[in-house]
Amino acid sequence: MADANSIEHQWNSTDMDDNSSFASLSISDLSDMDDNSSLTSVISDLSDMDDNSSLTSVISDLSDSLSDDLSDSKSDSSDAESYDWDMSTTQGKTDALKKDLLKWAINDGIKDIHLSHLLKILKAHPDADFSKLPATATGLFQRSNHPVDMQIISNREYYSFGLKNQIVKTMAKYPQSEISLLSRIELILNIDGLPLYNSSTTNFWPILGALKLKPLIVFPVVITMGDCNPTDMEFLRPTVQELKGIAKDGVSYNGQQYAVPLKCVTCDAPAKAKVLGTKQHGAYSACPRCTVKGKWRGRVTYLDTGNEQMRTDQSFRNKSDKKYHYDMSVFEELEDVDMIHLFPYDYQHGICLGCGKKIIVIMVNIARFSKETK
């Protein structure tokens, strides 16, 4: 590589009247310099020129050389981005897809586990036409930009999907050869609260539904959101009104009429008490099946369970046990349902967190005691 002082000496000894000597300066000459002072001396000599056209010609040549270099660089980059395989073959298309997936994962910082999940989904549908997929996440989720018709009921934001509409949509998901053979399909509802955050009291109280068919497909009927648990159950009333209409007229699907009676309403014990307007499960008169009275033994327990009177639909509607009821239930507007058997037992609180848990604790204590006495 040329020495900086020798380059400077050569330039100073050049005939300054010959402008072509400066015009012949190339990018390669400058790129060979590894000492910044050499470039500084060259620029200094250029600034001493009396003829501005000479400097203009040099800058023009430098610009042309840079443009050519950038053009060559872009051409090389374009060649690197082009596919090196035949896109008319299945293998070529697969290789192109692999390259695009790699670029997407690197550019967007996709984690390996998420990329693995995507690859499993793609491999599970080898005959799918990916060109028919939506172009955006909004299209994939079928989100609508139209404003949602929200209401305020029971001091909560309320949105209804429409019970009959959801039943028809769900029926379309089952094999039509099986659906057409039926004339009666039972409906199951679920009502419960769902906390959204650990640091906030904001919660959902959805109403979910399912048809008593296999497999069981759960669908939303109503979603409500509020800052605390509902103070009343008025948000259930629109759904009860829809149930009355369905019980009377049924549901029409594919030109066939179906009877869709309400089979049951599933709730856990706290939600069940709210929906029925009865005392919570820890009260003295809280049994949903009989009129047994609890006694305090460190907690409310039911010791006398031999000859208690069973509750009936009529006694429930008449509020015969004043210590059991504290409010009316909107489901009492349905005349053809049994208010006692419409709401099945709560397996979670009754078995898993109730007597089942107590039996396990007793068995563990007995085993521990036996081990210590040996």
Protein backbone atom coordinates (compact mmCIF):
# COMPACT_ATOMS: atom_id res chain seq x y z
CA MET A 1 0.00 0.00 0.00
CA ALA A 2 1.33 3.45 -0.89
CA ASP A 3 2.99 5.54 1.83
CA ALA A 4 1.04 8.65 2.80
CA ASN A 5 4.01 11.04 2.40
CA SER A 6 4.89 9.70 -1.06
CA ILE A 7 1.29 10.15 -2.24
CA GLU A 8 1.32 13.73 -0.97
CA HIS A 9 4.65 14.40 -2.72
CA GLN A 10 3.36 13.05 -6.01
CA TRP A 11 0.29 15.27 -5.87
CA ASN A 12 2.31 18.39 -5.02
CA SER A 13 4.67 17.80 -7.95
CA THR A 14 1.80 17.39 -10.43
CA ASP A 15 1.24 20.12 -13.01
CA MET A 16 -1.77 22.03 -11.63
CA ASP A 17 -2.65 23.35 -15.07
CA ASP A 18 -3.58 19.92 -16.22
CA ASN A 19 -7.08 19.43 -14.78
CA SER A 20 -7.34 15.95 -16.20
CA SER A 21 -4.86 14.68 -13.62
CA PHE A 22 -7.38 15.40 -10.88
CA ALA A 23 -10.27 14.07 -12.92
CA SER A 24 -8.45 10.77 -13.22
CA LEU A 25 -8.54 10.19 -9.44
CA SER A 26 -10.49 7.00 -8.73
CA ILE A 27 -12.13 5.44 -5.74
CA SER A 28 -9.56 2.65 -5.77
CA ASP A 29 -6.77 5.19 -5.16
CA LEU A 30 -8.57 6.55 -2.11
CA SER A 31 -9.45 3.12 -0.79
CA ASP A 32 -5.76 2.17 -0.78
CA MET A 33 -4.97 4.82 1.80
CA ASP A 34 -4.79 3.55 5.35
CA ASP A 35 -3.70 6.89 6.87
CA ASN A 36 -6.42 9.52 7.25
CA SER A 37 -3.84 12.29 6.96
CA SER A 38 -3.20 11.29 3.32
CA LEU A 39 -6.86 11.88 2.44
CA THR A 40 -6.71 15.18 4.32
CA SER A 41 -3.72 16.34 2.26
CA VAL A 42 -5.49 15.39 -0.97
CA ILE A 43 -8.56 17.41 -0.01
CA SER A 44 -6.26 20.29 0.95
CA ASP A 45 -4.66 20.26 -2.49
CA LEU A 46 -8.08 20.16 -4.13
CA SER A 47 -9.16 23.22 -2.19
CA ASP A 48 -6.16 25.16 -3.58
CA MET A 49 -7.44 24.88 -7.14
CA ASP A 50 -8.33 28.10 -8.86
CA ASP A 51 -10.55 26.46 -11.38
CA ASN A 52 -13.87 25.36 -9.80
CA SER A 53 -14.63 23.18 -12.79
CA SER A 54 -11.71 20.93 -11.87
CA LEU A 55 -13.17 20.22 -8.44
CA THR A 56 -16.58 19.73 -10.00
CA SER A 57 -15.23 17.15 -12.39
CA VAL A 58 -13.50 15.27 -9.59
CA ILE A 59 -16.68 15.18 -7.46
CA SER A 60 -18.65 14.06 -10.50
CA ASP A 61 -16.27 11.18 -11.07
CA LEU A 62 -16.40 10.22 -7.40
CA SER A 63 -20.22 10.25 -7.49
CA ASP A 64 -20.33 8.11 -10.61
CA SER A 65 -17.96 5.62 -9.07
CA LEU A 66 -20.01 5.42 -5.86
CA SER A 67 -23.23 4.96 -7.86
CA ASP A 68 -21.66 2.11 -9.82
CA ASP A 69 -20.48 0.44 -6.60
CA LEU A 70 -23.91 0.79 -4.97
CA SER A 71 -25.59 -0.57 -8.10
CA ASP A 72 -23.31 -3.59 -8.08
CA SER A 73 -24.02 -4.10 -4.35
CA LYS A 74 -27.79 -4.02 -4.89
CA SER A 75 -27.46 -6.45 -7.77
CA ASP A 76 -25.50 -8.83 -5.59
CA SER A 77 -28.08 -8.50 -2.79
CA SER A 78 -30.91 -9.16 -5.25
CA ASP A 79 -29.14 -12.25 -6.49
CA ALA A 80 -28.74 -13.44 -2.87
CA GLU A 81 -32.46 -12.99 -2.16
CA SER A 82 -33.59 -14.87 -5.27
CA TYR A 83 -34.42 -18.51 -4.92
CA ASP A 84 -31.80 -20.99 -6.06
CA TRP A 85 -34.34 -23.73 -6.81
CA ASP A 86 -37.05 -24.53 -9.28
CA MET A 87 -40.33 -23.05 -7.99
CA SER A 88 -42.32 -25.26 -10.36
CA THR A 89 -41.56 -28.36 -8.32
CA THR A 90 -42.98 -29.37 -4.95
CA GLN A 91 -39.48 -29.54 -3.42
CA GLY A 92 -38.70 -26.05 -4.68
CA LYS A 93 -41.88 -24.64 -3.16
CA THR A 94 -41.10 -26.39 0.13
CA ASP A 95 -37.58 -24.96 0.21
CA ALA A 96 -38.95 -21.48 -0.51
CA LEU A 97 -41.45 -21.82 2.34
CA LYS A 98 -38.67 -22.95 4.70
CA LYS A 99 -36.57 -19.92 3.79
CA ASP A 100 -39.49 -17.54 4.30
CA LEU A 101 -40.28 -19.10 7.69
CA LEU A 102 -36.66 -18.74 8.77
CA LYS A 103 -36.59 -15.07 7.74
CA TRP A 104 -39.87 -14.44 9.58
CA ALA A 105 -38.66 -16.18 12.75
CA ILE A 106 -35.36 -14.25 12.79
CA ASN A 107 -36.76 -10.83 11.86
CA ASP A 108 -39.70 -10.99 14.30
CA GLY A 109 -37.85 -12.75 17.13
CA ILE A 110 -40.13 -15.80 17.21
CA LYS A 111 -39.27 -18.23 20.00
CA ASP A 112 -38.29 -21.77 19.04
CA ILE A 113 -41.23 -23.33 20.91
CA HIS A 114 -43.73 -21.12 19.04
CA LEU A 115 -42.09 -21.89 15.71
CA SER A 116 -42.25 -25.60 16.54
CA HIS A 117 -45.99 -25.33 17.24
CA LEU A 118 -46.52 -23.60 13.89
CA LEU A 119 -44.55 -26.28 12.04
CA LYS A 120 -46.65 -29.03 13.66
CA ILE A 121 -49.83 -27.30 12.50
CA LEU A 122 -48.53 -26.90 8.94
CA LYS A 123 -47.40 -30.53 8.74
CA ALA A 124 -50.84 -31.69 9.96
CA HIS A 125 -52.42 -30.14 6.83
CA PRO A 126 -50.21 -31.21 3.89
CA ASP A 127 -52.96 -30.77 1.28
CA ALA A 128 -54.11 -27.33 2.44
CA ASP A 129 -53.99 -24.35 0.10
CA PHE A 130 -52.16 -21.75 2.20
CA SER A 131 -52.92 -19.05 -0.36
CA LYS A 132 -56.54 -19.16 0.82
CA LEU A 133 -55.56 -18.19 4.38
CA PRO A 134 -56.44 -14.66 5.63
CA ALA A 135 -53.72 -12.08 5.12
CA THR A 136 -53.94 -10.61 8.64
CA ALA A 137 -54.59 -11.70 12.21
CA THR A 138 -57.81 -9.69 12.15
CA GLY A 139 -59.08 -11.84 9.29
CA LEU A 140 -57.99 -15.04 11.01
CA PHE A 141 -59.82 -14.16 14.23
CA GLN A 142 -62.76 -12.80 12.20
CA ARG A 143 -62.72 -9.63 14.21
CA SER A 144 -65.25 -7.02 13.23
CA ASN A 145 -64.56 -3.29 13.10
CA HIS A 146 -68.24 -2.59 13.66
CA PRO A 147 -69.16 -1.16 17.08
CA VAL A 148 -70.46 -3.72 19.57
CA ASP A 149 -73.94 -3.15 20.96
CA MET A 150 -73.11 -3.05 24.67
CA GLN A 151 -75.74 -2.59 27.36
CA ILE A 152 -75.55 -1.86 31.09
CA ILE A 153 -77.49 -4.39 33.16
CA SER A 154 -76.98 -5.04 36.89
CA ASN A 155 -74.32 -2.29 36.83
CA ARG A 156 -72.28 -4.43 34.45
CA GLU A 157 -71.33 -4.22 30.79
CA TYR A 158 -73.55 -6.73 29.01
CA TYR A 159 -73.32 -8.33 25.58
CA SER A 160 -75.55 -11.11 24.23
CA PHE A 161 -74.63 -13.36 21.30
CA GLY A 162 -78.26 -14.49 21.00
CA LEU A 163 -79.20 -17.90 22.38
CA LYS A 164 -81.15 -19.12 19.35
CA ASN A 165 -78.46 -17.85 16.97
CA GLN A 166 -75.75 -19.71 18.91
CA ILE A 167 -77.81 -22.91 18.97
CA VAL A 168 -78.17 -22.84 15.18
CA LYS A 169 -74.45 -22.16 14.67
CA THR A 170 -73.55 -25.04 16.97
CA MET A 171 -75.92 -27.45 15.22
CA ALA A 172 -74.10 -26.69 11.96
CA LYS A 173 -70.86 -28.04 13.50
CA TYR A 174 -72.27 -31.57 13.90
CA PRO A 175 -72.68 -34.13 11.08
CA GLN A 176 -75.89 -33.21 9.29
CA SER A 177 -76.75 -36.87 8.76
CA GLU A 178 -77.06 -37.25 12.55
CA ILE A 179 -78.78 -33.93 13.23
CA SER A 180 -81.49 -34.60 10.64
CA LEU A 181 -82.52 -37.78 12.50
CA LEU A 182 -83.30 -35.85 15.69
CA SER A 183 -86.38 -33.89 16.63
CA ARG A 184 -85.42 -32.97 20.20
CA ILE A 185 -82.06 -31.66 21.46
CA GLU A 186 -81.56 -30.77 25.12
CA LEU A 187 -79.79 -27.59 26.16
CA ILE A 188 -77.31 -27.18 29.04
CA LEU A 189 -76.40 -23.78 30.52
CA ASN A 190 -73.55 -22.79 32.80
CA ILE A 191 -73.34 -19.63 34.94
CA ASP A 192 -70.30 -18.68 36.97
CA GLY A 193 -67.95 -15.84 37.83
CA LEU A 194 -64.46 -15.52 36.41
CA PRO A 195 -61.83 -13.14 37.89
CA LEU A 196 -59.63 -11.50 35.23
CA TYR A 197 -56.69 -10.17 37.26
CA ASN A 198 -55.02 -10.92 40.57
CA SER A 199 -54.60 -7.22 41.34
CA SER A 200 -58.12 -6.12 40.41
CA THR A 201 -61.72 -7.03 41.26
CA THR A 202 -62.77 -6.82 37.60
CA ASN A 203 -64.48 -10.05 36.58
CA PHE A 204 -66.58 -11.78 33.97
CA TRP A 205 -69.92 -13.46 34.64
CA PRO A 206 -70.55 -15.35 31.39
CA ILE A 207 -73.48 -17.56 30.45
CA LEU A 208 -72.26 -20.55 28.47
CA GLY A 209 -74.31 -23.14 26.63
CA ALA A 210 -73.96 -26.60 25.11
CA LEU A 211 -76.21 -29.05 23.32
CA LYS A 212 -76.45 -32.55 24.78
CA LEU A 213 -74.68 -34.14 21.83
CA LYS A 214 -71.33 -35.86 21.41
CA PRO A 215 -68.82 -34.33 21.34
CA LEU A 216 -69.91 -31.56 23.68
CA ILE A 217 -69.34 -28.15 22.08
CA VAL A 218 -69.48 -25.19 24.48
CA PHE A 219 -70.58 -21.82 23.09
CA PRO A 220 -70.98 -18.35 24.67
CA VAL A 221 -74.46 -16.95 25.16
CA VAL A 222 -73.84 -13.83 27.25
CA ILE A 223 -70.74 -12.09 28.58
CA THR A 224 -70.92 -9.50 31.34
CA MET A 225 -68.06 -7.57 32.93
CA GLY A 226 -67.96 -5.44 36.07
CA ASP A 227 -65.70 -4.17 38.83
CA CYS A 228 -67.23 -6.52 41.40
CA ASN A 229 -69.63 -9.44 41.68
CA PRO A 230 -73.16 -8.62 40.46
CA THR A 231 -75.46 -7.17 43.10
CA ASP A 232 -78.46 -8.85 41.45
CA MET A 233 -79.15 -11.41 38.74
CA GLU A 234 -81.13 -9.17 36.39
CA PHE A 235 -78.59 -9.81 33.63
CA LEU A 236 -80.06 -13.34 33.43
CA ARG A 237 -83.53 -12.09 32.52
CA PRO A 238 -82.97 -11.56 28.75
CA THR A 239 -81.66 -15.13 28.46
CA VAL A 240 -84.65 -16.46 30.41
CA GLN A 241 -86.95 -14.60 28.01
CA GLU A 242 -85.19 -16.29 25.08
CA LEU A 243 -85.59 -19.66 26.81
CA LYS A 244 -89.33 -19.05 27.07
CA GLY A 245 -89.54 -18.32 23.35
CA ILE A 246 -87.48 -21.41 22.44
CA ALA A 247 -89.61 -23.60 24.72
CA LYS A 248 -92.71 -22.35 22.91
CA ASP A 249 -91.55 -22.22 19.27
CA GLY A 250 -88.49 -24.46 19.17
CA VAL A 251 -85.58 -23.86 16.79
CA SER A 252 -85.73 -24.05 13.00
CA TYR A 253 -82.66 -25.42 11.22
CA ASN A 254 -82.34 -26.53 7.58
CA GLY A 255 -86.10 -26.48 7.13
CA GLN A 256 -86.68 -28.75 10.14
CA GLN A 257 -88.17 -27.81 13.49
CA TYR A 258 -86.42 -28.94 16.68
CA ALA A 259 -87.62 -28.91 20.27
CA VAL A 260 -84.82 -27.56 22.50
CA PRO A 261 -85.83 -27.92 26.17
CA LEU A 262 -83.59 -26.75 29.02
CA LYS A 263 -81.94 -29.84 30.54
CA CYS A 264 -80.08 -28.21 33.45
CA VAL A 265 -78.16 -25.18 34.65
CA THR A 266 -74.74 -26.01 36.09
CA CYS A 267 -73.12 -23.71 38.67
CA ASP A 268 -70.71 -24.04 41.53
CA ALA A 269 -72.19 -23.65 45.03
CA PRO A 270 -71.65 -19.86 45.46
CA ALA A 271 -72.98 -19.01 41.98
CA LYS A 272 -75.89 -21.42 42.39
CA ALA A 273 -77.00 -19.66 45.58
CA LYS A 274 -76.89 -16.28 43.82
CA VAL A 275 -78.87 -17.53 40.81
CA LEU A 276 -81.51 -19.21 42.99
CA GLY A 277 -81.71 -16.37 45.52
CA THR A 278 -80.94 -18.71 48.43
CA LYS A 279 -78.50 -18.76 51.34
CA GLN A 280 -74.88 -19.66 50.65
CA HIS A 281 -73.69 -23.22 51.23
CA GLY A 282 -72.21 -22.38 54.65
CA ALA A 283 -75.50 -21.20 56.17
CA TYR A 284 -77.59 -23.13 58.71
CA SER A 285 -80.40 -23.75 56.18
CA ALA A 286 -78.41 -24.16 52.98
CA CYS A 287 -79.11 -27.70 51.77
CA PRO A 288 -80.65 -27.46 48.27
CA ARG A 289 -82.42 -30.83 48.57
CA CYS A 290 -83.92 -30.98 52.07
CA THR A 291 -84.84 -28.74 55.01
CA VAL A 292 -82.16 -30.03 57.40
CA LYS A 293 -80.87 -27.47 59.91
CA GLY A 294 -77.16 -27.23 60.55
CA LYS A 295 -75.43 -26.96 63.93
CA TRP A 296 -72.24 -25.21 64.89
CA ARG A 297 -69.31 -27.55 65.61
CA GLY A 298 -66.42 -25.23 64.84
CA ARG A 299 -68.21 -24.81 61.53
CA VAL A 300 -71.74 -25.47 60.29
CA THR A 301 -72.32 -29.22 60.13
CA TYR A 302 -75.41 -31.30 59.38
CA LEU A 303 -75.73 -34.06 61.97
CA ASP A 304 -79.45 -34.91 61.81
CA THR A 305 -80.10 -36.12 58.26
CA GLY A 306 -82.57 -38.94 58.84
CA ASN A 307 -86.15 -37.70 58.61
CA GLU A 308 -85.90 -34.25 57.03
CA GLN A 309 -88.53 -33.05 54.58
CA MET A 310 -87.40 -32.96 50.96
CA ARG A 311 -87.71 -29.74 49.00
CA THR A 312 -90.02 -29.71 45.97
CA ASP A 313 -90.58 -27.38 43.06
CA GLN A 314 -93.82 -26.20 44.65
CA SER A 315 -92.28 -25.53 48.06
CA PHE A 316 -89.44 -23.64 46.39
CA ARG A 317 -91.79 -21.39 44.41
CA ASN A 318 -93.95 -20.82 47.51
CA LYS A 319 -90.85 -19.96 49.61
CA SER A 320 -91.99 -22.39 52.32
CA ASP A 321 -88.61 -22.32 54.09
CA LYS A 322 -88.14 -18.64 54.92
CA LYS A 323 -84.64 -19.25 56.28
CA TYR A 324 -83.52 -20.74 52.97
CA HIS A 325 -84.71 -18.04 50.54
CA TYR A 326 -83.77 -14.39 50.47
CA ASP A 327 -84.84 -13.38 46.93
CA MET A 328 -86.76 -14.48 43.84
CA SER A 329 -84.96 -16.30 41.04
CA VAL A 330 -85.46 -15.20 37.43
CA PHE A 331 -85.63 -18.89 36.44
CA GLU A 332 -88.96 -19.13 38.27
CA GLU A 333 -90.45 -17.45 35.19
CA LEU A 334 -89.95 -20.78 33.38
CA GLU A 335 -93.10 -22.73 34.20
CA ASP A 336 -92.10 -26.11 32.82
CA VAL A 337 -88.91 -26.66 34.84
CA ASP A 338 -88.31 -28.16 38.28
CA MET A 339 -86.44 -25.55 40.34
CA ILE A 340 -84.90 -28.25 42.55
CA HIS A 341 -83.59 -30.67 39.95
CA LEU A 342 -82.84 -28.04 37.29
CA PHE A 343 -79.66 -27.22 39.22
CA PRO A 344 -77.56 -30.38 39.81
CA TYR A 345 -75.18 -30.91 42.71
CA ASP A 346 -71.90 -29.03 42.73
CA TYR A 347 -69.31 -31.79 42.38
CA GLN A 348 -66.36 -29.45 43.01
CA HIS A 349 -67.48 -28.09 46.38
CA GLY A 350 -69.50 -31.12 47.41
CA ILE A 351 -66.99 -33.86 46.66
CA CYS A 352 -63.55 -32.52 45.72
CA LEU A 353 -63.46 -29.74 48.33
CA GLY A 354 -66.08 -31.26 50.66
CA CYS A 355 -66.48 -34.79 51.93
CA GLY A 356 -63.84 -36.17 49.52
CA LYS A 357 -61.20 -33.84 50.93
CA LYS A 358 -62.29 -34.61 54.49
CA ILE A 359 -62.05 -38.39 53.92
CA ILE A 360 -58.52 -38.02 52.50
CA VAL A 361 -57.44 -35.91 55.48
CA ILE A 362 -58.84 -38.51 57.91
CA MET A 363 -57.09 -41.37 56.08
CA VAL A 364 -53.76 -39.51 56.13
CA ASN A 365 -54.11 -38.75 59.84
CA ILE A 366 -54.96 -42.39 60.64
CA ALA A 367 -51.92 -43.62 58.68
CA ARG A 368 -49.69 -41.10 60.44
CA PHE A 369 -51.06 -42.06 63.86
CA SER A 370 -50.56 -45.77 63.17
CA LYS A 371 -46.99 -45.16 62.08
CA GLU A 372 -46.18 -43.16 65.23
CA THR A 373 -47.63 -45.79 67.62
CA LYS A 374 -45.56 -48.64 66.19
